[in-house]
């Protein structure tokens, strides 16, 4: 086989993979319940799949987290969460101070 034939095969394989991914995305959008059931079966049959995938693809995990954490929704959620967290910690500290004062 000539080198240019190998190159054309690689290019067509990439094009085929991209076409398959787009077809899969369309199918998943049209059949959300079937997709959820299929994912559920996979998790039941192989519970450690996600852990393995994350350990094998750290770059993709990092990209996903960066996208997810950079949204305004996440920032708003974290602001509210931290506000409640600080209030709770403040109350706990005040209660601990009262208990310590009463023990003296």
PDB file of N, CA and C in Angstrom:
ATOM      1  N   UNK A   1       0.848  -1.178   0.000  1.00  0.00           N
ATOM      2  CA  UNK A   1       0.000   0.000   0.000  1.00  0.00           C
ATOM      3  C   UNK A   1       0.891   1.237   0.000  1.00  0.00           C
ATOM      4  N   UNK A   2       0.521   2.209  -0.805  1.00  0.00           N
ATOM      5  CA  UNK A   2       1.308   3.430  -0.895  1.00  0.00           C
ATOM      6  C   UNK A   2       0.980   4.369   0.270  1.00  0.00           C
ATOM      7  N   UNK A   3       1.946   5.211   0.648  1.00  0.00           N
ATOM      8  CA  UNK A   3       1.713   6.108   1.789  1.00  0.00           C
ATOM      9  C   UNK A   3       0.503   7.017   1.618  1.00  0.00           C
ATOM     10  N   UNK A   4       0.248   7.493   0.403  1.00  0.00           N
ATOM     11  CA  UNK A   4      -0.908   8.389   0.221  1.00  0.00           C
ATOM     12  C   UNK A   4      -2.232   7.639   0.371  1.00  0.00           C
ATOM     13  N   UNK A   5      -2.215   6.336   0.109  1.00  0.00           N
ATOM     14  CA  UNK A   5      -3.411   5.554   0.325  1.00  0.00           C
ATOM     15  C   UNK A   5      -3.702   5.404   1.830  1.00  0.00           C
ATOM     16  N   UNK A   6      -2.654   5.236   2.605  1.00  0.00           N
ATOM     17  CA  UNK A   6      -2.822   5.145   4.055  1.00  0.00           C
ATOM     18  C   UNK A   6      -3.374   6.462   4.589  1.00  0.00           C
ATOM     19  N   UNK A   7      -2.828   7.590   4.117  1.00  0.00           N
ATOM     20  CA  UNK A   7      -3.294   8.905   4.561  1.00  0.00           C
ATOM     21  C   UNK A   7      -4.770   9.106   4.231  1.00  0.00           C
ATOM     22  N   UNK A   8      -5.176   8.711   3.037  1.00  0.00           N
ATOM     23  CA  UNK A   8      -6.582   8.887   2.666  1.00  0.00           C
ATOM     24  C   UNK A   8      -7.482   8.009   3.529  1.00  0.00           C
ATOM     25  N   UNK A   9      -6.997   6.829   3.892  1.00  0.00           N
ATOM     26  CA  UNK A   9      -7.785   5.966   4.775  1.00  0.00           C
ATOM     27  C   UNK A   9      -7.972   6.606   6.145  1.00  0.00           C
ATOM     28  N   UNK A  10      -6.906   7.213   6.684  1.00  0.00           N
ATOM     29  CA  UNK A  10      -6.986   7.855   7.997  1.00  0.00           C
ATOM     30  C   UNK A  10      -7.977   9.011   7.937  1.00  0.00           C
ATOM     31  N   UNK A  11      -7.905   9.804   6.870  1.00  0.00           N
ATOM     32  CA  UNK A  11      -8.819  10.945   6.732  1.00  0.00           C
ATOM     33  C   UNK A  11     -10.270  10.465   6.643  1.00  0.00           C
ATOM     34  N   UNK A  12     -10.509   9.413   5.855  1.00  0.00           N
ATOM     35  CA  UNK A  12     -11.880   8.933   5.723  1.00  0.00           C
ATOM     36  C   UNK A  12     -12.364   8.317   7.036  1.00  0.00           C
ATOM     37  N   UNK A  13     -11.447   7.682   7.787  1.00  0.00           N
ATOM     38  CA  UNK A  13     -11.835   7.104   9.068  1.00  0.00           C
ATOM     39  C   UNK A  13     -12.239   8.209  10.046  1.00  0.00           C
ATOM     40  N   UNK A  14     -11.495   9.301  10.064  1.00  0.00           N
ATOM     41  CA  UNK A  14     -11.850  10.426  10.931  1.00  0.00           C
ATOM     42  C   UNK A  14     -13.205  11.009  10.526  1.00  0.00           C
ATOM     43  N   UNK A  15     -13.411  11.148   9.233  1.00  0.00           N
ATOM     44  CA  UNK A  15     -14.679  11.682   8.736  1.00  0.00           C
ATOM     45  C   UNK A  15     -15.835  10.754   9.124  1.00  0.00           C
ATOM     46  N   UNK A  16     -15.616   9.449   9.006  1.00  0.00           N
ATOM     47  CA  UNK A  16     -16.641   8.483   9.394  1.00  0.00           C
ATOM     48  C   UNK A  16     -16.947   8.563  10.890  1.00  0.00           C
ATOM     49  N   UNK A  17     -15.898   8.703  11.697  1.00  0.00           N
ATOM     50  CA  UNK A  17     -16.097   8.805  13.146  1.00  0.00           C
ATOM     51  C   UNK A  17     -16.897  10.053  13.503  1.00  0.00           C
ATOM     52  N   UNK A  18     -16.589  11.158  12.843  1.00  0.00           N
ATOM     53  CA  UNK A  18     -17.331  12.394  13.101  1.00  0.00           C
ATOM     54  C   UNK A  18     -18.802  12.243  12.697  1.00  0.00           C
ATOM     55  N   UNK A  19     -19.036  11.598  11.559  1.00  0.00           N
ATOM     56  CA  UNK A  19     -20.412  11.374  11.099  1.00  0.00           C
ATOM     57  C   UNK A  19     -21.154  10.468  12.088  1.00  0.00           C
ATOM     58  N   UNK A  20     -20.482   9.432  12.571  1.00  0.00           N
ATOM     59  CA  UNK A  20     -21.118   8.533  13.540  1.00  0.00           C
ATOM     60  C   UNK A  20     -21.463   9.275  14.829  1.00  0.00           C
ATOM     61  N   UNK A  21     -20.546  10.136  15.292  1.00  0.00           N
ATOM     62  CA  UNK A  21     -20.819  10.890  16.518  1.00  0.00           C
ATOM     63  C   UNK A  21     -22.029  11.794  16.346  1.00  0.00           C
ATOM     64  N   UNK A  22     -22.125  12.450  15.201  1.00  0.00           N
ATOM     65  CA  UNK A  22     -23.270  13.345  14.988  1.00  0.00           C
ATOM     66  C   UNK A  22     -24.574  12.541  14.901  1.00  0.00           C
ATOM     67  N   UNK A  23     -24.543  11.371  14.259  1.00  0.00           N
ATOM     68  CA  UNK A  23     -25.733  10.522  14.195  1.00  0.00           C
ATOM     69  C   UNK A  23     -26.136  10.036  15.589  1.00  0.00           C
ATOM     70  N   UNK A  24     -25.142   9.684  16.402  1.00  0.00           N
ATOM     71  CA  UNK A  24     -25.434   9.237  17.760  1.00  0.00           C
ATOM     72  C   UNK A  24     -26.040  10.368  18.585  1.00  0.00           C
ATOM     73  N   UNK A  25     -25.546  11.580  18.388  1.00  0.00           N
ATOM     74  CA  UNK A  25     -26.085  12.724  19.127  1.00  0.00           C
ATOM     75  C   UNK A  25     -27.542  12.980  18.744  1.00  0.00           C
ATOM     76  N   UNK A  26     -27.850  12.855  17.458  1.00  0.00           N
ATOM     77  CA  UNK A  26     -29.232  13.048  17.000  1.00  0.00           C
ATOM     78  C   UNK A  26     -30.129  11.965  17.604  1.00  0.00           C
ATOM     79  N   UNK A  27     -29.669  10.714  17.573  1.00  0.00           N
ATOM     80  CA  UNK A  27     -30.462   9.623  18.140  1.00  0.00           C
ATOM     81  C   UNK A  27     -30.701   9.856  19.629  1.00  0.00           C
ATOM     82  N   UNK A  28     -29.660  10.247  20.349  1.00  0.00           N
ATOM     83  CA  UNK A  28     -29.786  10.469  21.796  1.00  0.00           C
ATOM     84  C   UNK A  28     -30.763  11.601  22.096  1.00  0.00           C
ATOM     85  N   UNK A  29     -30.764  12.633  21.251  1.00  0.00           N
ATOM     86  CA  UNK A  29     -31.693  13.745  21.459  1.00  0.00           C
ATOM     87  C   UNK A  29     -33.140  13.316  21.198  1.00  0.00           C
ATOM     88  N   UNK A  30     -33.327  12.418  20.253  1.00  0.00           N
ATOM     89  CA  UNK A  30     -34.685  11.971  19.920  1.00  0.00           C
ATOM     90  C   UNK A  30     -35.218  10.899  20.868  1.00  0.00           C
ATOM     91  N   UNK A  31     -34.325  10.160  21.524  1.00  0.00           N
ATOM     92  CA  UNK A  31     -34.739   9.049  22.382  1.00  0.00           C
ATOM     93  C   UNK A  31     -34.114   9.179  23.777  1.00  0.00           C
ATOM     94  N   UNK A  32     -34.494  10.190  24.543  1.00  0.00           N
ATOM     95  CA  UNK A  32     -33.836  10.397  25.846  1.00  0.00           C
ATOM     96  C   UNK A  32     -34.106   9.269  26.849  1.00  0.00           C
ATOM     97  N   UNK A  33     -35.305   8.701  26.825  1.00  0.00           N
ATOM     98  CA  UNK A  33     -35.619   7.632  27.786  1.00  0.00           C
ATOM     99  C   UNK A  33     -34.823   6.373  27.490  1.00  0.00           C
ATOM    100  N   UNK A  34     -34.703   6.025  26.211  1.00  0.00           N
ATOM    101  CA  UNK A  34     -33.921   4.844  25.845  1.00  0.00           C
ATOM    102  C   UNK A  34     -32.460   5.042  26.202  1.00  0.00           C
ATOM    103  N   UNK A  35     -31.970   6.248  25.992  1.00  0.00           N
ATOM    104  CA  UNK A  35     -30.571   6.549  26.321  1.00  0.00           C
ATOM    105  C   UNK A  35     -30.336   6.412  27.825  1.00  0.00           C
ATOM    106  N   UNK A  36     -31.273   6.943  28.631  1.00  0.00           N
ATOM    107  CA  UNK A  36     -31.137   6.826  30.089  1.00  0.00           C
ATOM    108  C   UNK A  36     -31.155   5.360  30.515  1.00  0.00           C
ATOM    109  N   UNK A  37     -32.050   4.580  29.919  1.00  0.00           N
ATOM    110  CA  UNK A  37     -32.127   3.155  30.265  1.00  0.00           C
ATOM    111  C   UNK A  37     -30.838   2.433  29.876  1.00  0.00           C
ATOM    112  N   UNK A  38     -30.306   2.771  28.729  1.00  0.00           N
ATOM    113  CA  UNK A  38     -29.065   2.143  28.265  1.00  0.00           C
ATOM    114  C   UNK A  38     -27.908   2.509  29.201  1.00  0.00           C
ATOM    115  N   UNK A  39     -27.832   3.780  29.597  1.00  0.00           N
ATOM    116  CA  UNK A  39     -26.792   4.212  30.529  1.00  0.00           C
ATOM    117  C   UNK A  39     -26.942   3.525  31.878  1.00  0.00           C
ATOM    118  N   UNK A  40     -28.179   3.381  32.332  1.00  0.00           N
ATOM    119  CA  UNK A  40     -28.444   2.730  33.611  1.00  0.00           C
ATOM    120  C   UNK A  40     -27.985   1.266  33.568  1.00  0.00           C
ATOM    121  N   UNK A  41     -28.305   0.579  32.461  1.00  0.00           N
ATOM    122  CA  UNK A  41     -27.872  -0.817  32.325  1.00  0.00           C
ATOM    123  C   UNK A  41     -26.351  -0.918  32.342  1.00  0.00           C
ATOM    124  N   UNK A  42     -25.692   0.005  31.670  1.00  0.00           N
ATOM    125  CA  UNK A  42     -24.231  -0.018  31.634  1.00  0.00           C
ATOM    126  C   UNK A  42     -23.656   0.177  33.037  1.00  0.00           C
ATOM    127  N   UNK A  43     -24.224   1.122  33.802  1.00  0.00           N
ATOM    128  CA  UNK A  43     -23.737   1.360  35.164  1.00  0.00           C
ATOM    129  C   UNK A  43     -23.974   0.150  36.060  1.00  0.00           C
ATOM    130  N   UNK A  44     -25.100  -0.530  35.864  1.00  0.00           N
ATOM    131  CA  UNK A  44     -25.384  -1.718  36.669  1.00  0.00           C
ATOM    132  C   UNK A  44     -24.447  -2.867  36.308  1.00  0.00           C
ATOM    133  N   UNK A  45     -24.171  -3.052  35.021  1.00  0.00           N
ATOM    134  CA  UNK A  45     -23.311  -4.141  34.575  1.00  0.00           C
ATOM    135  C   UNK A  45     -21.834  -3.881  34.871  1.00  0.00           C
ATOM    136  N   UNK A  46     -21.426  -2.619  34.840  1.00  0.00           N
ATOM    137  CA  UNK A  46     -20.020  -2.272  35.048  1.00  0.00           C
ATOM    138  C   UNK A  46     -19.945  -1.018  35.923  1.00  0.00           C
ATOM    139  N   UNK A  47     -20.083  -1.162  37.237  1.00  0.00           N
ATOM    140  CA  UNK A  47     -20.163   0.011  38.115  1.00  0.00           C
ATOM    141  C   UNK A  47     -18.887   0.852  38.164  1.00  0.00           C
ATOM    142  N   UNK A  48     -17.752   0.288  37.789  1.00  0.00           N
ATOM    143  CA  UNK A  48     -16.496   1.036  37.856  1.00  0.00           C
ATOM    144  C   UNK A  48     -16.125   1.694  36.529  1.00  0.00           C
ATOM    145  N   UNK A  49     -17.025   1.662  35.554  1.00  0.00           N
ATOM    146  CA  UNK A  49     -16.729   2.209  34.230  1.00  0.00           C
ATOM    147  C   UNK A  49     -16.371   3.692  34.289  1.00  0.00           C
ATOM    148  N   UNK A  50     -17.175   4.480  34.999  1.00  0.00           N
ATOM    149  CA  UNK A  50     -16.919   5.927  35.032  1.00  0.00           C
ATOM    150  C   UNK A  50     -15.598   6.250  35.706  1.00  0.00           C
ATOM    151  N   UNK A  51     -15.268   5.553  36.755  1.00  0.00           N
ATOM    152  CA  UNK A  51     -13.982   5.784  37.421  1.00  0.00           C
ATOM    153  C   UNK A  51     -12.827   5.479  36.480  1.00  0.00           C
ATOM    154  N   UNK A  52     -12.933   4.350  35.751  1.00  0.00           N
ATOM    155  CA  UNK A  52     -11.880   4.003  34.786  1.00  0.00           C
ATOM    156  C   UNK A  52     -11.775   5.059  33.695  1.00  0.00           C
ATOM    157  N   UNK A  53     -12.944   5.487  33.164  1.00  0.00           N
ATOM    158  CA  UNK A  53     -12.933   6.463  32.077  1.00  0.00           C
ATOM    159  C   UNK A  53     -12.281   7.765  32.539  1.00  0.00           C
ATOM    160  N   UNK A  54     -12.626   8.219  33.738  1.00  0.00           N
ATOM    161  CA  UNK A  54     -12.045   9.460  34.253  1.00  0.00           C
ATOM    162  C   UNK A  54     -10.546   9.328  34.455  1.00  0.00           C
ATOM    163  N   UNK A  55     -10.086   8.190  34.927  1.00  0.00           N
ATOM    164  CA  UNK A  55      -8.652   8.014  35.130  1.00  0.00           C
ATOM    165  C   UNK A  55      -7.912   7.907  33.798  1.00  0.00           C
ATOM    166  N   UNK A  56      -8.578   7.413  32.755  1.00  0.00           N
ATOM    167  CA  UNK A  56      -7.946   7.277  31.441  1.00  0.00           C
ATOM    168  C   UNK A  56      -8.010   8.569  30.626  1.00  0.00           C
ATOM    169  N   UNK A  57      -8.927   9.491  30.965  1.00  0.00           N
ATOM    170  CA  UNK A  57      -9.123  10.722  30.190  1.00  0.00           C
ATOM    171  C   UNK A  57      -9.080  11.971  31.077  1.00  0.00           C
ATOM    172  N   UNK A  58      -7.969  12.238  31.756  1.00  0.00           N
ATOM    173  CA  UNK A  58      -7.939  13.383  32.671  1.00  0.00           C
ATOM    174  C   UNK A  58      -8.087  14.733  31.961  1.00  0.00           C
ATOM    175  N   UNK A  59      -7.595  14.835  30.722  1.00  0.00           N
ATOM    176  CA  UNK A  59      -7.703  16.107  29.998  1.00  0.00           C
ATOM    177  C   UNK A  59      -9.159  16.446  29.702  1.00  0.00           C
ATOM    178  N   UNK A  60      -9.917  15.445  29.274  1.00  0.00           N
ATOM    179  CA  UNK A  60     -11.331  15.692  28.958  1.00  0.00           C
ATOM    180  C   UNK A  60     -12.128  16.010  30.220  1.00  0.00           C
ATOM    181  N   UNK A  61     -11.791  15.375  31.327  1.00  0.00           N
ATOM    182  CA  UNK A  61     -12.463  15.670  32.595  1.00  0.00           C
ATOM    183  C   UNK A  61     -12.177  17.109  32.993  1.00  0.00           C
ATOM    184  N   UNK A  62     -10.915  17.514  32.846  1.00  0.00           N
ATOM    185  CA  UNK A  62     -10.525  18.878  33.202  1.00  0.00           C
ATOM    186  C   UNK A  62     -11.251  19.899  32.334  1.00  0.00           C
ATOM    187  N   UNK A  63     -11.353  19.638  31.030  1.00  0.00           N
ATOM    188  CA  UNK A  63     -12.077  20.539  30.126  1.00  0.00           C
ATOM    189  C   UNK A  63     -13.544  20.665  30.534  1.00  0.00           C
ATOM    190  N   UNK A  64     -14.163  19.527  30.849  1.00  0.00           N
ATOM    191  CA  UNK A  64     -15.574  19.535  31.231  1.00  0.00           C
ATOM    192  C   UNK A  64     -15.780  20.336  32.510  1.00  0.00           C
ATOM    193  N   UNK A  65     -14.939  20.111  33.495  1.00  0.00           N
ATOM    194  CA  UNK A  65     -15.076  20.833  34.756  1.00  0.00           C
ATOM    195  C   UNK A  65     -14.873  22.330  34.556  1.00  0.00           C
ATOM    196  N   UNK A  66     -13.912  22.675  33.716  1.00  0.00           N
ATOM    197  CA  UNK A  66     -13.657  24.096  33.461  1.00  0.00           C
ATOM    198  C   UNK A  66     -14.881  24.747  32.823  1.00  0.00           C
ATOM    199  N   UNK A  67     -15.491  24.062  31.848  1.00  0.00           N
ATOM    200  CA  UNK A  67     -16.703  24.591  31.214  1.00  0.00           C
ATOM    201  C   UNK A  67     -17.848  24.704  32.210  1.00  0.00           C
ATOM    202  N   UNK A  68     -18.010  23.671  33.025  1.00  0.00           N
ATOM    203  CA  UNK A  68     -19.121  23.639  33.963  1.00  0.00           C
ATOM    204  C   UNK A  68     -18.974  24.716  35.030  1.00  0.00           C
ATOM    205  N   UNK A  69     -17.770  24.888  35.553  1.00  0.00           N
ATOM    206  CA  UNK A  69     -17.564  25.835  36.644  1.00  0.00           C
ATOM    207  C   UNK A  69     -17.489  27.276  36.180  1.00  0.00           C
ATOM    208  N   UNK A  70     -17.362  27.513  34.894  1.00  0.00           N
ATOM    209  CA  UNK A  70     -17.252  28.886  34.403  1.00  0.00           C
ATOM    210  C   UNK A  70     -18.612  29.497  34.060  1.00  0.00           C
ATOM    211  N   UNK A  71     -19.700  28.782  34.296  1.00  0.00           N
ATOM    212  CA  UNK A  71     -21.021  29.305  33.960  1.00  0.00           C
ATOM    213  C   UNK A  71     -21.527  30.241  35.053  1.00  0.00           C
ATOM    214  N   UNK A  72     -22.390  31.161  34.661  1.00  0.00           N
ATOM    215  CA  UNK A  72     -22.987  32.083  35.630  1.00  0.00           C
ATOM    216  C   UNK A  72     -23.860  31.342  36.634  1.00  0.00           C
ATOM    217  N   UNK A  73     -24.543  30.304  36.174  1.00  0.00           N
ATOM    218  CA  UNK A  73     -25.396  29.530  37.071  1.00  0.00           C
ATOM    219  C   UNK A  73     -24.583  28.940  38.216  1.00  0.00           C
ATOM    220  N   UNK A  74     -23.412  28.406  37.886  1.00  0.00           N
ATOM    221  CA  UNK A  74     -22.575  27.809  38.918  1.00  0.00           C
ATOM    222  C   UNK A  74     -22.078  28.872  39.902  1.00  0.00           C
ATOM    223  N   UNK A  75     -21.690  30.023  39.383  1.00  0.00           N
ATOM    224  CA  UNK A  75     -21.222  31.097  40.258  1.00  0.00           C
ATOM    225  C   UNK A  75     -22.321  31.540  41.223  1.00  0.00           C
ATOM    226  N   UNK A  76     -23.526  31.696  40.703  1.00  0.00           N
ATOM    227  CA  UNK A  76     -24.657  32.100  41.551  1.00  0.00           C
ATOM    228  C   UNK A  76     -24.924  31.030  42.611  1.00  0.00           C
ATOM    229  N   UNK A  77     -24.910  29.775  42.192  1.00  0.00           N
ATOM    230  CA  UNK A  77     -25.132  28.678  43.130  1.00  0.00           C
ATOM    231  C   UNK A  77     -24.073  28.675  44.228  1.00  0.00           C
ATOM    232  N   UNK A  78     -22.812  28.832  43.844  1.00  0.00           N
ATOM    233  CA  UNK A  78     -21.735  28.801  44.834  1.00  0.00           C
ATOM    234  C   UNK A  78     -21.809  29.993  45.779  1.00  0.00           C
ATOM    235  N   UNK A  79     -22.194  31.153  45.278  1.00  0.00           N
ATOM    236  CA  UNK A  79     -22.353  32.309  46.167  1.00  0.00           C
ATOM    237  C   UNK A  79     -23.390  32.013  47.246  1.00  0.00           C
ATOM    238  N   UNK A  80     -24.525  31.480  46.825  1.00  0.00           N
ATOM    239  CA  UNK A  80     -25.595  31.169  47.771  1.00  0.00           C
ATOM    240  C   UNK A  80     -25.159  30.062  48.739  1.00  0.00           C
ATOM    241  N   UNK A  81     -24.514  29.055  48.215  1.00  0.00           N
ATOM    242  CA  UNK A  81     -24.048  27.943  49.037  1.00  0.00           C
ATOM    243  C   UNK A  81     -23.057  28.426  50.100  1.00  0.00           C
ATOM    244  N   UNK A  82     -22.107  29.230  49.678  1.00  0.00           N
ATOM    245  CA  UNK A  82     -21.099  29.716  50.624  1.00  0.00           C
ATOM    246  C   UNK A  82     -21.703  30.674  51.639  1.00  0.00           C
ATOM    247  N   UNK A  83     -22.690  31.453  51.249  1.00  0.00           N
ATOM    248  CA  UNK A  83     -23.347  32.346  52.194  1.00  0.00           C
ATOM    249  C   UNK A  83     -24.004  31.528  53.304  1.00  0.00           C
ATOM    250  N   UNK A  84     -24.729  30.476  52.926  1.00  0.00           N
ATOM    251  CA  UNK A  84     -25.377  29.603  53.905  1.00  0.00           C
ATOM    252  C   UNK A  84     -24.338  28.872  54.763  1.00  0.00           C
ATOM    253  N   UNK A  85     -23.256  28.451  54.130  1.00  0.00           N
ATOM    254  CA  UNK A  85     -22.193  27.751  54.845  1.00  0.00           C
ATOM    255  C   UNK A  85     -21.573  28.649  55.916  1.00  0.00           C
ATOM    256  N   UNK A  86     -21.279  29.893  55.546  1.00  0.00           N
ATOM    257  CA  UNK A  86     -20.686  30.830  56.511  1.00  0.00           C
ATOM    258  C   UNK A  86     -21.638  31.128  57.662  1.00  0.00           C
ATOM    259  N   UNK A  87     -22.934  31.289  57.366  1.00  0.00           N
ATOM    260  CA  UNK A  87     -23.922  31.516  58.422  1.00  0.00           C
ATOM    261  C   UNK A  87     -23.968  30.329  59.384  1.00  0.00           C
ATOM    262  N   UNK A  88     -23.962  29.123  58.831  1.00  0.00           N
ATOM    263  CA  UNK A  88     -24.013  27.923  59.660  1.00  0.00           C
ATOM    264  C   UNK A  88     -22.767  27.808  60.538  1.00  0.00           C
ATOM    265  N   UNK A  89     -21.602  28.080  59.960  1.00  0.00           N
ATOM    266  CA  UNK A  89     -20.355  28.016  60.738  1.00  0.00           C
ATOM    267  C   UNK A  89     -20.333  29.081  61.827  1.00  0.00           C
ATOM    268  N   UNK A  90     -20.860  30.251  61.527  1.00  0.00           N
ATOM    269  CA  UNK A  90     -20.909  31.331  62.511  1.00  0.00           C
ATOM    270  C   UNK A  90     -21.797  30.923  63.694  1.00  0.00           C
ATOM    271  N   UNK A  91     -22.960  30.331  63.394  1.00  0.00           N
ATOM    272  CA  UNK A  91     -23.863  29.869  64.461  1.00  0.00           C
ATOM    273  C   UNK A  91     -23.198  28.786  65.303  1.00  0.00           C
ATOM    274  N   UNK A  92     -22.522  27.861  64.643  1.00  0.00           N
ATOM    275  CA  UNK A  92     -21.838  26.796  65.378  1.00  0.00           C
ATOM    276  C   UNK A  92     -20.764  27.365  66.292  1.00  0.00           C
ATOM    277  N   UNK A  93     -20.023  28.346  65.812  1.00  0.00           N
ATOM    278  CA  UNK A  93     -18.982  28.966  66.626  1.00  0.00           C
ATOM    279  C   UNK A  93     -19.590  29.700  67.815  1.00  0.00           C
ATOM    280  N   UNK A  94     -20.703  30.390  67.591  1.00  0.00           N
ATOM    281  CA  UNK A  94     -21.375  31.096  68.692  1.00  0.00           C
ATOM    282  C   UNK A  94     -21.891  30.112  69.738  1.00  0.00           C
ATOM    283  N   UNK A  95     -22.474  29.003  69.288  1.00  0.00           N
ATOM    284  CA  UNK A  95     -22.962  27.992  70.227  1.00  0.00           C
ATOM    285  C   UNK A  95     -21.813  27.377  71.018  1.00  0.00           C
ATOM    286  N   UNK A  96     -20.715  27.116  70.358  1.00  0.00           N
ATOM    287  CA  UNK A  96     -19.551  26.559  71.044  1.00  0.00           C
ATOM    288  C   UNK A  96     -19.015  27.549  72.068  1.00  0.00           C
ATOM    289  N   UNK A  97     -19.037  28.824  71.735  1.00  0.00           N
ATOM    290  CA  UNK A  97     -18.567  29.853  72.667  1.00  0.00           C
ATOM    291  C   UNK A  97     -19.494  29.921  73.886  1.00  0.00           C
ATOM    292  N   UNK A  98     -20.797  29.823  73.667  1.00  0.00           N
ATOM    293  CA  UNK A  98     -21.754  29.832  74.777  1.00  0.00           C
ATOM    294  C   UNK A  98     -21.533  28.645  75.709  1.00  0.00           C
ATOM    295  N   UNK A  99     -21.346  27.478  75.101  1.00  0.00           N
ATOM    296  CA  UNK A  99     -21.122  26.267  75.904  1.00  0.00           C
ATOM    297  C   UNK A  99     -19.842  26.408  76.710  1.00  0.00           C
ATOM    298  N   UNK A 100     -18.790  26.904  76.083  1.00  0.00           N
ATOM    299  CA  UNK A 100     -17.515  27.088  76.775  1.00  0.00           C
ATOM    300  C   UNK A 100     -17.656  28.107  77.914  1.00  0.00           C
ATOM    301  N   UNK A 101     -18.435  29.152  77.692  1.00  0.00           N
ATOM    302  CA  UNK A 101     -18.653  30.195  78.709  1.00  0.00           C
ATOM    303  C   UNK A 101     -19.451  29.642  79.892  1.00  0.00           C
ATOM    304  N   UNK A 102     -20.454  28.800  79.611  1.00  0.00           N
ATOM    305  CA  UNK A 102     -21.275  28.199  80.653  1.00  0.00           C
ATOM    306  C   UNK A 102     -20.486  27.200  81.500  1.00  0.00           C
ATOM    307  N   UNK A 103     -19.531  26.539  80.901  1.00  0.00           N
ATOM    308  CA  UNK A 103     -18.723  25.546  81.624  1.00  0.00           C
ATOM    309  C   UNK A 103     -17.757  26.201  82.594  1.00  0.00           C
ATOM    310  N   UNK A 104     -17.401  27.439  82.344  1.00  0.00           N
ATOM    311  CA  UNK A 104     -16.444  28.133  83.228  1.00  0.00           C
ATOM    312  C   UNK A 104     -17.015  28.515  84.512  1.00  0.00           C
TER     313      UNK A 104
END
